[in-house]
Each structure stands twice: as C-alpha cells, then as structure tokens.
Amino acid sequence: MHVKLKRTFTLSLLVLGMATATGCATQRGSIDQPGYGGHQTALSPQLNDYLSSAATGSAITMAQTPWGDNVLVLANQPYYAASGRTCRELEVTLSSGTTQHHIACQTGDTSWASVRPVTRLLNR
C-alpha cells in the first residue's frame, strides 16, 4: 500500500508541474503579443523616432502624447524586459508641473508602445 501511495503522490506532482509549466508558457506568449490585455497604447511617429534614438537622460517637448498635451518626456536608459523587448522608463512632466513615470517598449524595429508597468517602487 505504501508503494501505491508514493506512486500516486509522485504522479500528482508530475501532473501539477506540467500544468504549471504549460500555464507559464501560455501566459508568456500572450504577454509578448501586441495589445496584450488592452494595456498597450501605440505611440506617435514622433515619439517612436525619439525613443529609438534618444540618448539616456535626453528630453523632448511634445504637443500631444497619450499622457496629455504640452508635456516634457525624458527617456531613461533602455533595458531588456522579461518579455525580451527593449523598454525605457519615461519621466513625463505635465504642463501642471507634475511628473509621472511611464514605461514604453518596442513593438517592432522602430515602433514603441506605452505599457502598463508590472511592478513599481512605491517610494518615488
């Protein structure tokens, strides 16, 4: 009886492990697709050009952005996200003087999209 219980337990662990791995693989695939969960916003051609070539810490004033009109966008250093895409944290200063932090990731060779941050430090 002890051997049968051990075999059942081992089989249960194997099935659980396979289900977990399958779920992660399925979830990862959907994250990489454009429009994931409706949490991506395509950026304008002007913002695409800026993000593709901007030096770290450089800024541009934009008349219209997904974050408001007449804003200053400062691009931080590019990094590789877990999705495999190149991303940049942006510091967006609104016309009111308030600064917001946003993330933009490449969706193609020269296309970028504003994406929902997965994690964020709360003490900024």
Protein backbone atom coordinates (compact mmCIF):
# COMPACT_ATOMS: atom_id res chain seq x y z
CA MET A 1 0.00 0.00 0.00
CA HIS A 2 2.90 2.35 0.80
CA VAL A 3 4.33 1.97 -2.72
CA LYS A 4 0.95 2.77 -4.32
CA LEU A 5 0.59 5.94 -2.22
CA LYS A 6 4.14 7.04 -3.12
CA ARG A 7 3.48 6.40 -6.83
CA THR A 8 0.19 8.37 -6.68
CA PHE A 9 1.94 11.27 -4.94
CA THR A 10 4.77 11.30 -7.50
CA LEU A 11 2.28 11.20 -10.38
CA SER A 12 0.29 14.06 -8.82
CA LEU A 13 3.45 16.18 -8.52
CA LEU A 14 4.36 15.45 -12.13
CA VAL A 15 0.90 16.47 -13.40
CA LEU A 16 0.94 19.63 -11.25
CA GLY A 17 4.40 20.55 -12.55
CA MET A 18 3.34 20.07 -16.16
CA ALA A 19 0.20 22.15 -15.64
CA THR A 20 2.23 24.94 -14.07
CA ALA A 21 4.79 24.92 -16.89
CA THR A 22 2.05 24.94 -19.51
CA GLY A 23 0.28 27.84 -17.80
CA CYS A 24 3.50 29.87 -17.66
CA ALA A 25 4.30 29.20 -21.29
CA THR A 26 0.80 30.17 -22.35
CA GLN A 27 0.85 33.33 -20.26
CA ARG A 28 4.30 34.36 -21.52
CA GLY A 29 3.19 34.00 -25.12
CA SER A 30 0.23 36.28 -24.62
CA ILE A 31 2.33 38.96 -22.90
CA ASP A 32 4.62 39.25 -25.90
CA GLN A 33 1.80 39.84 -28.35
CA PRO A 34 0.96 43.43 -29.25
CA GLY A 35 -2.13 44.67 -27.48
CA TYR A 36 -1.65 42.35 -24.50
CA GLY A 37 -4.68 42.70 -22.28
CA GLY A 38 -5.50 46.11 -23.74
CA HIS A 39 -2.68 47.61 -21.68
CA GLN A 40 -0.59 48.94 -24.56
CA THR A 41 -1.03 52.26 -26.33
CA ALA A 42 0.72 52.81 -29.66
CA LEU A 43 2.87 55.95 -29.70
CA SER A 44 3.05 58.64 -32.36
CA PRO A 45 5.68 58.53 -35.11
CA GLN A 46 7.46 61.48 -33.44
CA LEU A 47 7.66 59.63 -30.11
CA ASN A 48 8.76 56.44 -31.92
CA ASP A 49 11.64 58.31 -33.58
CA TYR A 50 12.63 59.96 -30.30
CA LEU A 51 12.62 56.72 -28.26
CA SER A 52 14.53 54.81 -30.95
CA SER A 53 17.43 57.28 -30.98
CA ALA A 54 17.34 59.35 -27.75
CA ALA A 55 20.40 59.43 -25.54
CA THR A 56 19.82 58.46 -21.91
CA GLY A 57 18.51 61.45 -19.98
CA SER A 58 17.57 63.47 -23.04
CA ALA A 59 14.17 65.14 -23.17
CA ILE A 60 11.71 66.34 -25.80
CA THR A 61 8.67 68.60 -25.54
CA MET A 62 5.62 67.09 -27.22
CA ALA A 63 2.41 68.88 -28.18
CA GLN A 64 0.33 65.68 -27.93
CA THR A 65 1.03 62.40 -26.13
CA PRO A 66 -1.03 59.59 -24.57
CA TRP A 67 -0.31 61.26 -21.20
CA GLY A 68 -1.56 64.73 -22.10
CA ASP A 69 -0.78 67.77 -24.24
CA ASN A 70 2.29 70.01 -24.00
CA VAL A 71 4.40 67.65 -21.91
CA LEU A 72 8.13 67.13 -21.44
CA VAL A 73 9.21 63.50 -21.98
CA LEU A 74 12.58 62.40 -20.57
CA ALA A 75 13.83 58.95 -21.63
CA ASN A 76 15.87 56.90 -19.20
CA GLN A 77 18.34 54.18 -20.20
CA PRO A 78 16.96 51.36 -22.39
CA TYR A 79 16.75 47.92 -20.75
CA TYR A 80 15.65 44.43 -21.73
CA ALA A 81 12.36 43.43 -20.13
CA ALA A 82 11.43 39.88 -19.17
CA SER A 83 9.29 39.80 -22.33
CA GLY A 84 12.51 40.08 -24.36
CA ARG A 85 11.64 43.55 -25.63
CA THR A 86 13.67 46.72 -25.26
CA CYS A 87 11.92 49.13 -22.90
CA ARG A 88 12.56 52.57 -21.43
CA GLU A 89 11.22 54.23 -18.31
CA LEU A 90 9.91 57.68 -19.15
CA GLU A 91 9.58 60.68 -16.87
CA VAL A 92 6.66 62.71 -18.18
CA THR A 93 6.28 66.25 -16.83
CA LEU A 94 2.78 67.58 -17.39
CA SER A 95 2.01 71.23 -18.10
CA SER A 96 0.88 71.49 -14.43
CA GLY A 97 4.45 70.61 -13.35
CA THR A 98 3.52 67.14 -12.05
CA THR A 99 5.90 64.35 -13.04
CA GLN A 100 4.61 60.87 -13.89
CA HIS A 101 6.58 57.69 -14.59
CA HIS A 102 5.61 55.56 -17.58
CA ILE A 103 7.10 52.60 -19.46
CA ALA A 104 7.43 52.33 -23.25
CA CYS A 105 8.54 49.13 -25.00
CA GLN A 106 9.46 48.38 -28.59
CA THR A 107 6.83 46.53 -30.56
CA GLY A 108 8.79 46.43 -33.81
CA ASP A 109 12.03 47.77 -35.26
CA THR A 110 11.01 51.41 -34.81
CA SER A 111 7.59 51.17 -33.16
CA TRP A 112 7.02 51.73 -29.44
CA ALA A 113 4.00 51.41 -27.17
CA SER A 114 3.21 52.71 -23.72
CA VAL A 115 2.74 49.65 -21.49
CA ARG A 116 1.31 49.06 -18.05
CA PRO A 117 4.13 48.57 -15.51
CA VAL A 118 4.12 45.14 -13.92
CA THR A 119 5.88 46.34 -10.79
CA ARG A 120 6.70 49.79 -9.48
CA LEU A 121 8.58 51.11 -6.48
CA LEU A 122 6.14 52.97 -4.29
CA ASN A 123 8.65 55.30 -2.64
CA ARG A 124 9.47 57.51 -5.62
